Amino acid sequence: MAWFSDSGYWLGRLVFQRMLAVLYVVAFLAAVRQFRALIGARGMLPVPAYVATVPFRAAPSVFHWHYSDRFFALWSWSGVLLAAAVAAGAADAVPLWASMVLWAVLWAMYLSIVNVGQTWYSFGWESLLLEAGSLAVFLGNAVTAPPVTVMWLLRWLLFRVEFGAGLIKMRGDTCWRDLTCLYYHHETQPMPGPLSWFFHHLPRPLHRVEVAANHVAQLAVPVLLFTPQPIAGWAAVAMVVTQLWLVLSGNFAWLNWVTITLAMSAAAPLWARPAPPLPAPPVWFEVLVLLATAGVLALSYRPARNLLARQQLMNTSYESLHLVNSYGAFGSITRVRREIVVEGTADAVTGPETTWHAYEFHGKPGEVRRLPRQFAPYHLRLDWLLWFVALSASYGASWFGGFIERLLLNDRDTLRLIRRNPFPDRPPTYIRARIYRYRFSTWRELRATGAWWHRTFVRDLLPPTRLEVAPAPEDEDDPPP
């Protein structure tokens, strides 16, 4: 049939599916390693409490029927193993129907986690992974010619990711329009990477070039995805290059990597050699592909309308299956970096002479002499959410008090999310949280002190708190950007 073709698409499908399976491995592994403290039965936002108040139709998940920490761990580890098998080629080694089942199971398993993840899973890249995963179900395997309509739906998804991000910037912060946002962004982004300090210290004219290039990459280049090859392929290559620039400059979980994966589906045909003739797909597969294509196009109405809306929404799902979504990032840029520093003491009473010891996190800036690390595509959920709480305590209203309580108990699962616990032998008596302003050190300061950051105290977020009393943190005076 005309809507199935092996002319160059086979390599795009192969690269897309293998890369996507690897990202599924990362996503399930992050769930395994972090869920107990975040959403476990005794976590900060327990799944059992959530499913008791939210109906299945609003958040479809296997955990509505049964939840235990052991079951969640088994579910997530199964996802890791299944995704690893698919990445190794399992979906190409089985019949077409079994390949579709493998991809559908991966999608359904991760959907079950996202739909009970609450605040911890509220990021746009969760929906992006699920939407890409739902399309992978209908791409077929190595014994079937790639369905052209689904390959073009991958481009439609890539277009919405990039074009939506470009529009939200032009409609948002004025610094995107005057080309000054990158004067601040490398320093104030949620989780800087090891090269962010160096990006920040690039000459300001080059920062303006970066912003202008970003506008071209997100507002002009995506339109070329719908042109014939090789133009569409080279447009996708340009997107890959810009996304790799973002990978080098910060930690954005798997957002950039899913975008690269989508772009490779359009770029790979540039280098594809002619494939041997593939048998015609079975009629039932043709019907399913056409139904899936029609369904995605119908569900695309609201996301497409959102692109044209003055009040454009970022990272929005319009139905509980996360099949077709709206995307966008960094419509506003913070000019000043604020960080929460959490400290504890073993002293029986607090006062001017109290000795406080800071908890250190894996990705969130803390110790000023520690160079930020690279974690993406792995997602450090606690570190990311603490960045939001530093902007406004309202972001932590549902969980920050529980986090403090667990530190006061030396909760093992919570401490696994932290790089350094200053109280390994017994819990602290008191804990406090303070807001500091962080900025990257200058070249001169780095040479003189070895510090990548300079920080100054702003105010207390949470006063010294014992286990008996854990008040909610005071809110910021300024609204979040």
Protein backbone atom coordinates (compact mmCIF):
# COMPACT_ATOMS: atom_id res chain seq x y z
CA MET A 1 0.00 0.00 0.00
CA ALA A 2 1.11 3.60 -0.60
CA TRP A 3 1.13 4.39 3.08
CA PHE A 4 3.73 1.67 3.76
CA SER A 5 7.23 2.21 2.39
CA ASP A 6 10.73 0.87 3.01
CA SER A 7 12.35 3.70 1.02
CA GLY A 8 14.67 5.16 3.65
CA TYR A 9 12.15 4.96 6.48
CA TRP A 10 13.45 1.63 7.77
CA LEU A 11 16.56 3.22 9.28
CA GLY A 12 14.59 6.07 10.83
CA ARG A 13 12.26 3.55 12.45
CA LEU A 14 15.14 1.39 13.68
CA VAL A 15 17.04 4.28 15.25
CA PHE A 16 13.89 5.77 16.79
CA GLN A 17 12.71 2.53 18.37
CA ARG A 18 16.09 1.52 19.78
CA MET A 19 16.77 4.98 21.25
CA LEU A 20 13.27 5.19 22.68
CA ALA A 21 13.65 1.81 24.36
CA VAL A 22 16.87 3.00 26.02
CA LEU A 23 15.03 6.05 27.36
CA TYR A 24 12.33 3.74 28.74
CA VAL A 25 15.12 1.91 30.58
CA VAL A 26 16.26 5.19 32.15
CA ALA A 27 12.71 6.21 33.09
CA PHE A 28 11.85 2.89 34.74
CA LEU A 29 15.22 2.81 36.51
CA ALA A 30 14.58 6.29 37.95
CA ALA A 31 11.22 5.04 39.21
CA VAL A 32 12.83 2.01 40.86
CA ARG A 33 15.46 4.05 42.66
CA GLN A 34 13.29 6.92 43.88
CA PHE A 35 9.71 5.80 44.38
CA ARG A 36 9.79 4.64 48.01
CA ALA A 37 10.56 8.05 49.47
CA LEU A 38 8.45 9.99 46.98
CA ILE A 39 5.26 8.00 46.38
CA GLY A 40 5.73 4.76 48.30
CA ALA A 41 3.33 3.53 50.98
CA ARG A 42 5.21 5.63 53.54
CA GLY A 43 6.41 8.25 51.09
CA MET A 44 5.82 11.97 50.99
CA LEU A 45 2.87 11.60 48.59
CA PRO A 46 1.74 7.98 49.02
CA VAL A 47 0.11 6.23 46.09
CA PRO A 48 -2.53 4.49 48.30
CA ALA A 49 -3.81 7.85 49.55
CA TYR A 50 -3.89 9.22 46.02
CA VAL A 51 -5.79 6.37 44.38
CA ALA A 52 -8.30 6.43 47.25
CA THR A 53 -9.43 9.91 46.17
CA VAL A 54 -8.82 9.96 42.40
CA PRO A 55 -11.02 7.73 40.19
CA PHE A 56 -9.51 5.31 37.71
CA ARG A 57 -10.90 7.14 34.69
CA ALA A 58 -9.06 10.31 35.72
CA ALA A 59 -5.72 8.52 36.19
CA PRO A 60 -5.72 5.00 34.69
CA SER A 61 -3.18 2.87 36.50
CA VAL A 62 -2.71 -0.71 37.61
CA PHE A 63 -2.11 0.65 41.10
CA HIS A 64 -5.80 1.44 41.48
CA TRP A 65 -6.32 -2.32 41.77
CA HIS A 66 -3.37 -3.12 43.98
CA TYR A 67 -0.49 -1.26 45.57
CA SER A 68 2.42 -2.30 47.73
CA ASP A 69 6.00 -1.12 47.62
CA ARG A 70 7.09 -4.60 46.65
CA PHE A 71 4.60 -4.70 43.79
CA PHE A 72 5.67 -1.24 42.55
CA ALA A 73 9.34 -2.30 42.64
CA LEU A 74 8.53 -5.50 40.73
CA TRP A 75 6.50 -3.50 38.19
CA SER A 76 9.32 -1.01 37.64
CA TRP A 77 12.09 -3.60 37.45
CA SER A 78 9.97 -5.51 34.93
CA GLY A 79 9.80 -2.30 32.90
CA VAL A 80 13.58 -1.97 33.04
CA LEU A 81 14.10 -5.53 31.82
CA LEU A 82 11.45 -5.36 29.11
CA ALA A 83 12.77 -2.03 27.79
CA ALA A 84 16.33 -3.39 27.80
CA ALA A 85 15.20 -6.43 25.82
CA VAL A 86 13.44 -4.23 23.26
CA ALA A 87 16.53 -2.00 23.02
CA ALA A 88 18.55 -5.14 22.28
CA GLY A 89 16.21 -6.08 19.42
CA ALA A 90 13.56 -8.30 21.01
CA ALA A 91 10.71 -6.52 19.23
CA ASP A 92 12.33 -7.31 15.86
CA ALA A 93 12.82 -10.97 16.73
CA VAL A 94 9.14 -11.77 17.29
CA PRO A 95 6.07 -11.72 15.03
CA LEU A 96 4.48 -8.37 14.23
CA TRP A 97 1.59 -8.78 16.67
CA ALA A 98 3.99 -9.70 19.49
CA SER A 99 6.16 -6.68 18.69
CA MET A 100 3.12 -4.42 19.03
CA VAL A 101 2.26 -6.07 22.34
CA LEU A 102 5.78 -5.43 23.68
CA TRP A 103 5.60 -1.73 22.82
CA ALA A 104 2.04 -1.44 24.15
CA VAL A 105 3.03 -3.07 27.43
CA LEU A 106 5.94 -0.66 27.87
CA TRP A 107 3.63 2.28 27.28
CA ALA A 108 0.93 0.97 29.64
CA MET A 109 3.45 0.15 32.37
CA TYR A 110 4.96 3.62 32.34
CA LEU A 111 1.52 5.24 32.09
CA SER A 112 0.56 3.43 35.30
CA ILE A 113 3.51 5.06 37.07
CA VAL A 114 3.03 8.56 35.67
CA ASN A 115 -0.66 8.62 36.51
CA VAL A 116 0.00 8.07 40.22
CA GLY A 117 3.24 10.07 40.36
CA GLN A 118 1.48 13.33 41.25
CA THR A 119 3.80 16.33 41.65
CA TRP A 120 6.89 14.20 41.17
CA TYR A 121 5.76 13.22 37.66
CA SER A 122 4.32 16.56 36.56
CA PHE A 123 7.04 17.32 34.00
CA GLY A 124 6.42 17.65 30.29
CA TRP A 125 8.95 14.97 29.38
CA GLU A 126 6.77 12.34 31.06
CA SER A 127 3.96 13.01 28.58
CA LEU A 128 6.48 13.32 25.75
CA LEU A 129 7.87 9.85 26.47
CA LEU A 130 4.37 8.41 26.65
CA GLU A 131 3.21 10.06 23.41
CA ALA A 132 6.30 8.87 21.56
CA GLY A 133 5.82 5.42 23.09
CA SER A 134 2.22 5.21 21.93
CA LEU A 135 3.31 5.91 18.33
CA ALA A 136 6.03 3.26 18.55
CA VAL A 137 3.30 0.63 18.99
CA PHE A 138 2.17 1.22 15.40
CA LEU A 139 5.56 1.41 13.69
CA GLY A 140 5.85 -2.32 13.12
CA ASN A 141 9.12 -4.23 13.23
CA ALA A 142 11.95 -5.30 10.94
CA VAL A 143 9.78 -7.66 8.89
CA THR A 144 7.23 -4.97 7.99
CA ALA A 145 7.58 -1.93 5.77
CA PRO A 146 7.36 1.21 7.95
CA PRO A 147 3.94 2.88 7.93
CA VAL A 148 4.50 6.29 6.34
CA THR A 149 1.60 7.88 8.20
CA VAL A 150 3.07 7.00 11.59
CA MET A 151 6.51 8.20 10.54
CA TRP A 152 4.90 11.53 9.68
CA LEU A 153 3.10 11.57 13.02
CA LEU A 154 6.54 11.43 14.63
CA ARG A 155 7.39 14.60 12.71
CA TRP A 156 4.12 16.17 13.84
CA LEU A 157 5.09 15.42 17.44
CA LEU A 158 8.59 16.83 16.91
CA PHE A 159 7.06 19.94 15.34
CA ARG A 160 4.80 20.52 18.34
CA VAL A 161 7.67 20.05 20.80
CA GLU A 162 9.96 22.54 19.05
CA PHE A 163 7.42 25.01 17.67
CA GLY A 164 5.50 25.06 20.95
CA ALA A 165 8.70 25.82 22.85
CA GLY A 166 9.54 28.60 20.41
CA LEU A 167 6.11 30.21 20.61
CA ILE A 168 5.96 30.12 24.41
CA LYS A 169 9.25 32.02 24.50
CA MET A 170 8.15 34.70 22.05
CA ARG A 171 4.88 35.15 23.94
CA GLY A 172 6.53 35.03 27.34
CA ASP A 173 9.51 36.76 28.87
CA THR A 174 10.70 39.92 27.13
CA CYS A 175 14.30 38.71 27.38
CA TRP A 176 13.58 36.21 24.61
CA ARG A 177 12.57 39.04 22.31
CA ASP A 178 15.51 41.30 23.18
CA LEU A 179 17.91 38.30 23.01
CA THR A 180 19.17 38.62 26.60
CA CYS A 181 17.71 35.50 28.29
CA LEU A 182 20.99 33.61 28.18
CA TYR A 183 22.65 36.33 30.21
CA TYR A 184 20.91 34.50 33.09
CA HIS A 185 19.63 31.09 32.04
CA HIS A 186 22.82 29.02 32.21
CA GLU A 187 23.21 30.19 35.82
CA THR A 188 19.59 30.05 36.97
CA GLN A 189 18.30 26.91 35.20
CA PRO A 190 16.92 24.21 37.53
CA MET A 191 19.96 21.94 37.48
CA PRO A 192 23.19 23.19 35.89
CA GLY A 193 25.62 20.72 34.36
CA PRO A 194 29.42 20.55 34.48
CA LEU A 195 29.76 22.90 31.49
CA SER A 196 27.10 25.41 32.58
CA TRP A 197 29.66 27.62 34.35
CA PHE A 198 31.63 27.89 31.12
CA PHE A 199 28.52 28.55 29.02
CA HIS A 200 27.53 31.31 31.42
CA HIS A 201 30.88 33.04 30.96
CA LEU A 202 30.69 33.12 27.18
CA PRO A 203 30.77 36.69 25.80
CA ARG A 204 27.40 38.40 25.91
CA PRO A 205 27.27 38.91 22.14
CA LEU A 206 27.55 35.14 21.78
CA HIS A 207 24.67 34.72 24.24
CA ARG A 208 22.56 36.90 21.96
CA VAL A 209 23.58 34.72 19.01
CA GLU A 210 22.51 31.66 21.03
CA VAL A 211 19.04 33.11 21.60
CA ALA A 212 18.66 34.14 17.97
CA ALA A 213 19.77 30.67 16.83
CA ASN A 214 17.26 29.13 19.24
CA HIS A 215 14.45 31.14 17.64
CA VAL A 216 15.48 29.92 14.19
CA ALA A 217 15.74 26.31 15.41
CA GLN A 218 12.34 26.36 17.11
CA LEU A 219 10.26 28.64 14.91
CA ALA A 220 11.61 28.29 11.36
CA VAL A 221 13.35 24.92 11.08
CA PRO A 222 10.36 22.81 12.33
CA VAL A 223 8.29 23.95 9.35
CA LEU A 224 10.83 22.30 7.05
CA LEU A 225 10.02 18.89 8.55
CA PHE A 226 7.03 18.74 6.22
CA THR A 227 9.06 19.33 3.06
CA PRO A 228 10.50 16.55 0.85
CA GLN A 229 13.84 14.89 1.54
CA PRO A 230 16.63 15.82 1.82
CA ILE A 231 15.37 19.19 3.16
CA ALA A 232 13.34 17.57 5.94
CA GLY A 233 16.27 15.38 6.91
CA TRP A 234 18.72 18.26 7.17
CA ALA A 235 16.17 20.24 9.19
CA ALA A 236 16.04 17.32 11.62
CA VAL A 237 19.84 17.27 11.75
CA ALA A 238 19.80 20.95 12.70
CA MET A 239 17.42 20.11 15.54
CA VAL A 240 19.71 17.34 16.74
CA VAL A 241 22.63 19.77 16.85
CA THR A 242 20.67 22.36 18.85
CA GLN A 243 19.42 19.72 21.26
CA LEU A 244 22.96 18.44 21.83
CA TRP A 245 23.94 22.04 22.64
CA LEU A 246 21.24 21.99 25.34
CA VAL A 247 22.46 18.61 26.59
CA LEU A 248 25.93 20.07 27.07
CA SER A 249 24.69 23.20 28.81
CA GLY A 250 22.38 21.70 31.44
CA ASN A 251 20.41 18.78 32.89
CA PHE A 252 16.88 18.45 31.50
CA ALA A 253 16.20 14.77 32.20
CA TRP A 254 15.25 13.02 28.94
CA LEU A 255 13.51 16.03 27.33
CA ASN A 256 16.38 16.69 24.93
CA TRP A 257 16.99 13.00 24.30
CA VAL A 258 13.39 12.21 23.33
CA THR A 259 13.51 15.23 21.01
CA ILE A 260 16.75 13.94 19.48
CA THR A 261 15.17 10.49 19.12
CA LEU A 262 12.22 11.99 17.23
CA ALA A 263 14.53 14.06 15.04
CA MET A 264 16.60 11.00 14.17
CA SER A 265 13.50 9.34 12.73
CA ALA A 266 13.45 12.09 10.09
CA ALA A 267 17.22 12.50 9.72
CA ALA A 268 18.24 8.85 9.42
CA PRO A 269 16.82 8.38 5.88
CA LEU A 270 19.57 10.71 4.64
CA TRP A 271 22.05 7.89 5.19
CA ALA A 272 19.82 4.86 4.67
CA ARG A 273 20.94 2.32 2.10
CA PRO A 274 18.29 0.59 0.01
CA ALA A 275 16.57 -2.10 2.03
CA PRO A 276 15.61 -5.51 0.64
CA PRO A 277 11.94 -5.74 -0.34
CA LEU A 278 9.71 -6.34 2.65
CA PRO A 279 6.47 -8.33 2.50
CA ALA A 280 3.19 -6.47 2.40
CA PRO A 281 1.79 -5.90 5.89
CA PRO A 282 -1.25 -7.92 6.96
CA VAL A 283 -4.61 -6.26 6.48
CA TRP A 284 -5.31 -6.12 10.21
CA PHE A 285 -2.11 -4.09 10.72
CA GLU A 286 -3.05 -1.68 7.93
CA VAL A 287 -6.43 -1.13 9.56
CA LEU A 288 -4.90 -0.53 12.99
CA VAL A 289 -2.39 1.94 11.56
CA LEU A 290 -5.10 3.91 9.77
CA LEU A 291 -7.30 3.95 12.88
CA ALA A 292 -4.38 5.08 15.03
CA THR A 293 -3.49 7.82 12.54
CA ALA A 294 -7.06 9.07 12.46
CA GLY A 295 -7.22 9.00 16.25
CA VAL A 296 -4.04 11.05 16.64
CA LEU A 297 -5.23 13.59 14.10
CA ALA A 298 -8.55 13.95 15.91
CA LEU A 299 -6.84 14.36 19.29
CA SER A 300 -4.46 16.91 17.78
CA TYR A 301 -7.19 19.54 17.53
CA ARG A 302 -6.73 20.97 21.02
CA PRO A 303 -2.90 20.92 20.99
CA ALA A 304 -2.93 22.58 17.55
CA ARG A 305 -5.40 25.21 18.75
CA ASN A 306 -3.20 25.79 21.77
CA LEU A 307 -0.29 26.69 19.46
CA LEU A 308 -2.43 29.51 18.06
CA ALA A 309 -3.82 30.70 21.40
CA ARG A 310 -2.59 33.91 22.98
CA GLN A 311 -2.69 32.25 26.37
CA GLN A 312 -0.65 29.26 25.25
CA LEU A 313 -0.37 26.44 27.79
CA MET A 314 2.89 24.60 28.41
CA ASN A 315 3.20 20.86 28.99
CA THR A 316 -0.50 20.07 29.09
CA SER A 317 -2.22 16.70 28.65
CA TYR A 318 -5.82 16.81 27.45
CA GLU A 319 -6.71 13.25 28.33
CA SER A 320 -5.55 10.77 30.93
CA LEU A 321 -3.73 8.53 28.43
CA HIS A 322 -1.25 11.29 27.42
CA LEU A 323 -1.70 10.43 23.75
CA VAL A 324 -1.45 13.91 22.18
CA ASN A 325 -0.16 16.77 24.32
CA SER A 326 1.04 20.36 24.30
CA TYR A 327 4.65 21.18 25.04
CA GLY A 328 6.86 24.16 25.81
CA ALA A 329 9.62 25.18 28.18
CA PHE A 330 11.07 28.27 29.84
CA GLY A 331 8.52 30.83 28.81
CA SER A 332 9.92 32.82 31.74
CA ILE A 333 13.53 33.06 32.87
CA THR A 334 14.60 33.72 36.45
CA ARG A 335 17.23 36.44 36.79
CA VAL A 336 18.45 35.44 40.24
CA ARG A 337 19.21 31.93 41.45
CA ARG A 338 17.81 31.02 44.84
CA GLU A 339 18.67 27.72 46.48
CA ILE A 340 17.39 25.94 49.57
CA VAL A 341 20.11 24.83 51.95
CA VAL A 342 18.83 22.24 54.42
CA GLU A 343 20.83 21.96 57.64
CA GLY A 344 20.61 19.88 60.79
CA THR A 345 22.13 19.95 64.25
CA ALA A 346 22.58 17.44 67.05
CA ASP A 347 22.51 20.18 69.70
CA ALA A 348 19.76 19.90 72.30
CA VAL A 349 18.87 23.60 71.98
CA THR A 350 19.46 26.11 69.20
CA GLY A 351 21.03 29.50 69.46
CA PRO A 352 23.84 31.67 68.12
CA GLU A 353 26.43 29.03 69.07
CA THR A 354 24.64 26.13 67.39
CA THR A 355 26.69 24.10 64.93
CA TRP A 356 24.74 23.37 61.76
CA HIS A 357 25.65 20.77 59.14
CA ALA A 358 24.29 20.90 55.60
CA TYR A 359 22.73 18.04 53.65
CA GLU A 360 24.26 17.75 50.20
CA PHE A 361 22.28 16.70 47.13
CA HIS A 362 23.35 14.90 43.98
CA GLY A 363 22.45 17.52 41.41
CA LYS A 364 21.18 20.59 43.24
CA PRO A 365 23.89 23.18 43.99
CA GLY A 366 25.03 23.20 47.60
CA GLU A 367 28.73 23.13 48.47
CA VAL A 368 30.20 26.05 46.52
CA ARG A 369 33.41 24.21 45.57
CA ARG A 370 31.59 21.31 43.95
CA LEU A 371 31.34 21.45 40.17
CA PRO A 372 27.79 20.57 39.01
CA ARG A 373 27.51 17.03 37.65
CA GLN A 374 25.87 15.60 34.55
CA PHE A 375 22.85 13.41 35.30
CA ALA A 376 20.54 13.75 32.30
CA PRO A 377 18.86 11.75 30.90
CA TYR A 378 18.45 10.41 34.45
CA HIS A 379 15.92 12.52 36.36
CA LEU A 380 16.61 13.61 39.96
CA ARG A 381 13.05 14.44 40.97
CA LEU A 382 13.70 15.73 44.49
CA ASP A 383 16.49 18.05 43.33
CA TRP A 384 14.28 19.50 40.60
CA LEU A 385 11.32 20.12 42.90
CA LEU A 386 13.54 21.82 45.50
CA TRP A 387 14.48 24.36 42.82
CA PHE A 388 10.80 25.23 42.46
CA VAL A 389 10.33 25.52 46.24
CA ALA A 390 13.18 28.04 46.33
CA LEU A 391 11.09 30.16 43.94
CA SER A 392 7.92 29.84 45.99
CA ALA A 393 7.19 27.63 48.99
CA SER A 394 3.74 26.91 47.54
CA TYR A 395 5.40 24.41 45.20
CA GLY A 396 6.26 22.29 48.23
CA ALA A 397 2.99 22.70 50.14
CA SER A 398 2.01 19.06 49.69
CA TRP A 399 5.35 17.40 50.44
CA PHE A 400 8.05 19.64 51.90
CA GLY A 401 6.88 19.15 55.48
CA GLY A 402 6.97 15.39 54.97
CA PHE A 403 10.48 15.67 53.57
CA ILE A 404 11.68 17.50 56.69
CA GLU A 405 9.96 14.96 58.93
CA ARG A 406 11.72 12.11 57.20
CA LEU A 407 15.10 13.80 57.60
CA LEU A 408 14.39 14.15 61.33
CA LEU A 409 13.77 10.40 61.39
CA ASN A 410 16.84 9.56 59.30
CA ASP A 411 14.45 7.76 56.98
CA ARG A 412 16.53 5.34 54.94
CA ASP A 413 14.59 5.72 51.70
CA THR A 414 14.73 9.51 51.82
CA LEU A 415 18.44 9.53 52.59
CA ARG A 416 19.05 7.43 49.46
CA LEU A 417 17.98 10.48 47.44
CA ILE A 418 20.68 12.60 49.10
CA ARG A 419 24.39 12.62 48.33
CA ARG A 420 25.66 13.31 51.87
CA ASN A 421 23.87 12.82 55.17
CA PRO A 422 25.76 14.67 57.93
CA PHE A 423 24.09 12.51 60.59
CA PRO A 424 24.90 8.89 59.68
CA ASP A 425 24.72 7.51 63.21
CA ARG A 426 21.68 9.17 64.75
CA PRO A 427 19.01 11.59 63.51
CA PRO A 428 19.47 15.33 64.00
CA THR A 429 17.66 17.09 66.82
CA TYR A 430 16.66 20.08 64.74
CA ILE A 431 16.49 20.87 61.04
CA ARG A 432 16.20 24.24 59.36
CA ALA A 433 15.94 25.38 55.74
CA ARG A 434 17.43 28.63 54.50
CA ILE A 435 17.30 30.49 51.20
CA TYR A 436 20.57 31.62 49.67
CA ARG A 437 21.24 33.57 46.52
CA TYR A 438 23.70 31.65 44.36
CA ARG A 439 25.67 33.00 41.44
CA PHE A 440 28.48 31.52 39.42
CA SER A 441 31.88 32.70 40.56
CA THR A 442 33.99 34.78 38.24
CA TRP A 443 37.20 33.52 36.63
CA ARG A 444 39.19 35.47 39.23
CA GLU A 445 37.15 34.06 42.14
CA LEU A 446 37.54 30.52 40.81
CA ARG A 447 41.32 30.86 40.60
CA ALA A 448 41.55 32.41 44.06
CA THR A 449 39.13 30.16 45.99
CA GLY A 450 38.42 27.08 43.86
CA ALA A 451 34.69 27.85 44.26
CA TRP A 452 32.33 27.47 41.31
CA TRP A 453 29.60 29.32 43.19
CA HIS A 454 29.31 32.37 45.39
CA ARG A 455 26.37 32.51 47.76
CA THR A 456 24.80 35.04 50.12
CA PHE A 457 22.15 34.44 52.77
CA VAL A 458 18.67 35.75 51.92
CA ARG A 459 16.28 34.55 54.64
CA ASP A 460 15.01 31.57 56.61
CA LEU A 461 12.52 29.36 54.82
CA LEU A 462 11.91 27.03 57.76
CA PRO A 463 13.03 27.92 61.30
CA PRO A 464 14.75 25.30 63.48
CA THR A 465 12.20 22.50 63.72
CA ARG A 466 12.00 19.43 65.91
CA LEU A 467 10.13 16.27 65.14
CA GLU A 468 7.20 17.28 67.33
CA VAL A 469 6.48 20.39 65.27
CA ALA A 470 7.01 20.63 61.54
CA PRO A 471 5.42 23.89 60.35
CA ALA A 472 4.96 24.59 56.68
CA PRO A 473 7.61 26.87 55.21
CA GLU A 474 6.82 30.54 54.87
CA ASP A 475 5.98 31.67 51.35
CA GLU A 476 8.12 33.96 49.25
CA ASP A 477 7.54 37.68 49.27
CA ASP A 478 7.86 37.75 45.48
CA PRO A 479 5.68 35.67 43.12
CA PRO A 480 7.45 33.07 41.00
CA PRO A 481 8.56 34.22 37.56
